[in-house]
C-alpha atoms as a PDB file:
ATOM      1  CA  MET A   1     184.907  82.565  74.377  1.00  0.00           C
ATOM      2  CA  SER A   2     185.358  84.975  76.942  1.00  0.00           C
ATOM      3  CA  GLU A   3     189.093  87.248  77.754  1.00  0.00           C
ATOM      4  CA  LYS A   4     188.228  85.716  81.748  1.00  0.00           C
ATOM      5  CA  THR A   5     187.636  82.022  80.379  1.00  0.00           C
ATOM      6  CA  GLU A   6     190.565  82.057  78.167  1.00  0.00           C
ATOM      7  CA  SER A   7     192.503  83.975  81.607  1.00  0.00           C
ATOM      8  CA  PHE A   8     191.293  80.463  83.497  1.00  0.00           C
ATOM      9  CA  ASN A   9     192.139  78.329  80.030  1.00  0.00           C
ATOM     10  CA  LYS A  10     195.616  79.738  80.633  1.00  0.00           C
ATOM     11  CA  ASN A  11     196.542  79.775  83.998  1.00  0.00           C
ATOM     12  CA  TYR A  12     194.946  75.818  84.343  1.00  0.00           C
ATOM     13  CA  ASP A  13     197.308  75.077  81.970  1.00  0.00           C
ATOM     14  CA  ILE A  14     200.196  76.715  83.551  1.00  0.00           C
ATOM     15  CA  LEU A  15     199.654  74.786  86.227  1.00  0.00           C
ATOM     16  CA  LYS A  16     199.166  71.469  84.713  1.00  0.00           C
ATOM     17  CA  ASN A  17     202.153  72.292  83.014  1.00  0.00           C
ATOM     18  CA  ILE A  18     204.225  72.786  86.197  1.00  0.00           C
ATOM     19  CA  ALA A  19     203.008  69.869  87.996  1.00  0.00           C
ATOM     20  CA  GLU A  20     204.090  67.695  84.988  1.00  0.00           C
ATOM     21  CA  THR A  21     207.306  69.067  85.101  1.00  0.00           C
ATOM     22  CA  LEU A  22     207.244  68.221  89.002  1.00  0.00           C
ATOM     23  CA  ARG A  23     206.149  65.029  88.335  1.00  0.00           C
ATOM     24  CA  THR A  24     208.309  64.100  85.604  1.00  0.00           C
ATOM     25  CA  GLN A  25     211.629  65.509  86.805  1.00  0.00           C
ATOM     26  CA  ARG A  26     214.000  62.471  87.451  1.00  0.00           C
ATOM     27  CA  GLU A  27     216.526  65.410  89.332  1.00  0.00           C
ATOM     28  CA  PRO A  28     215.113  68.669  90.523  1.00  0.00           C
ATOM     29  CA  ASN A  29     216.245  71.490  89.204  1.00  0.00           C
ATOM     30  CA  ILE A  30     216.543  73.840  91.830  1.00  0.00           C
ATOM     31  CA  ASP A  31     217.247  76.785  90.080  1.00  0.00           C
ATOM     32  CA  GLU A  32     213.861  76.787  88.513  1.00  0.00           C
ATOM     33  CA  LEU A  33     211.764  75.767  91.437  1.00  0.00           C
ATOM     34  CA  ILE A  34     211.529  79.109  92.838  1.00  0.00           C
ATOM     35  CA  PRO A  35     210.150  80.759  89.712  1.00  0.00           C
ATOM     36  CA  MET A  36     208.213  78.006  89.084  1.00  0.00           C
ATOM     37  CA  ILE A  37     206.099  78.347  92.392  1.00  0.00           C
ATOM     38  CA  GLU A  38     205.792  82.135  92.156  1.00  0.00           C
ATOM     39  CA  SER A  39     204.107  81.009  88.495  1.00  0.00           C
ATOM     40  CA  ALA A  40     201.818  78.379  90.378  1.00  0.00           C
ATOM     41  CA  THR A  41     201.075  80.125  93.059  1.00  0.00           C
ATOM     42  CA  GLN A  42     199.959  83.358  90.680  1.00  0.00           C
ATOM     43  CA  ALA A  43     197.445  81.250  88.537  1.00  0.00           C
ATOM     44  CA  TYR A  44     197.047  79.216  90.801  1.00  0.00           C
ATOM     45  CA  LYS A  45     194.600  83.035  92.627  1.00  0.00           C
ATOM     46  CA  ILE A  46     193.404  83.928  88.838  1.00  0.00           C
ATOM     47  CA  CYS A  47     192.225  80.728  89.324  1.00  0.00           C
ATOM     48  CA  GLN A  48     190.857  80.385  92.188  1.00  0.00           C
ATOM     49  CA  GLU A  49     189.556  83.720  91.825  1.00  0.00           C
ATOM     50  CA  ARG A  50     187.319  82.847  88.810  1.00  0.00           C
ATOM     51  CA  LEU A  51     185.992  79.417  89.994  1.00  0.00           C
ATOM     52  CA  GLU A  52     184.720  81.879  92.906  1.00  0.00           C
ATOM     53  CA  ALA A  53     183.318  84.366  89.977  1.00  0.00           C
ATOM     54  CA  VAL A  54     181.179  81.920  88.132  1.00  0.00           C
ATOM     55  CA  LYS A  55     179.955  80.214  91.814  1.00  0.00           C
ATOM     56  CA  ILE A  56     178.595  83.020  92.862  1.00  0.00           C
ATOM     57  CA  ALA A  57     177.274  83.699  89.555  1.00  0.00           C
ATOM     58  CA  LEU A  58     175.635  80.148  89.415  1.00  0.00           C
ATOM     59  CA  ASN A  59     174.127  80.514  92.840  1.00  0.00           C
ATOM     60  CA  GLN A  60     172.244  83.370  91.296  1.00  0.00           C
ATOM     61  CA  TYR A  61     170.477  81.362  88.184  1.00  0.00           C
ATOM     62  CA  LEU A  62     169.875  78.100  90.465  1.00  0.00           C
ATOM     63  CA  PRO A  63     167.983  77.765  93.429  1.00  0.00           C
ATOM     64  CA  GLN A  64     169.772  76.183  96.436  1.00  0.00           C
ATOM     65  CA  GLN A  65     168.668  72.834  97.543  1.00  0.00           C
ATOM     66  CA  GLU A  66     167.265  72.129 100.796  1.00  0.00           C
ATOM     67  CA  THR A  67     168.344  69.102 102.718  1.00  0.00           C
ATOM     68  CA  THR A  68     164.818  68.100 104.900  1.00  0.00           C
ATOM     69  CA  SER A  69     165.689  65.578 107.382  1.00  0.00           C
ATOM     70  CA  ALA A  70     164.003  63.169 105.590  1.00  0.00           C
ATOM     71  CA  GLU A  71     166.602  63.487 102.643  1.00  0.00           C
ATOM     72  CA  GLU A  72     169.564  62.977 104.579  1.00  0.00           C
ATOM     73  CA  GLY A  73     168.464  59.938 106.726  1.00  0.00           C
END
């Protein structure tokens, strides 16, 4: 696995864990809220950047599908 893939997976796991924590809390822990939001925001940005890089790379290898009016109708 490449370092970028590991970084994406690590940060995606951070997002999933924070979402699960927020979803399952009976009472919100406001002392942990700001650090969790900061961590989630950073993880989201890293994941978003990686997804965009993969999208650009895939567009170089896969031809764009053109839609015609016959296909649309």
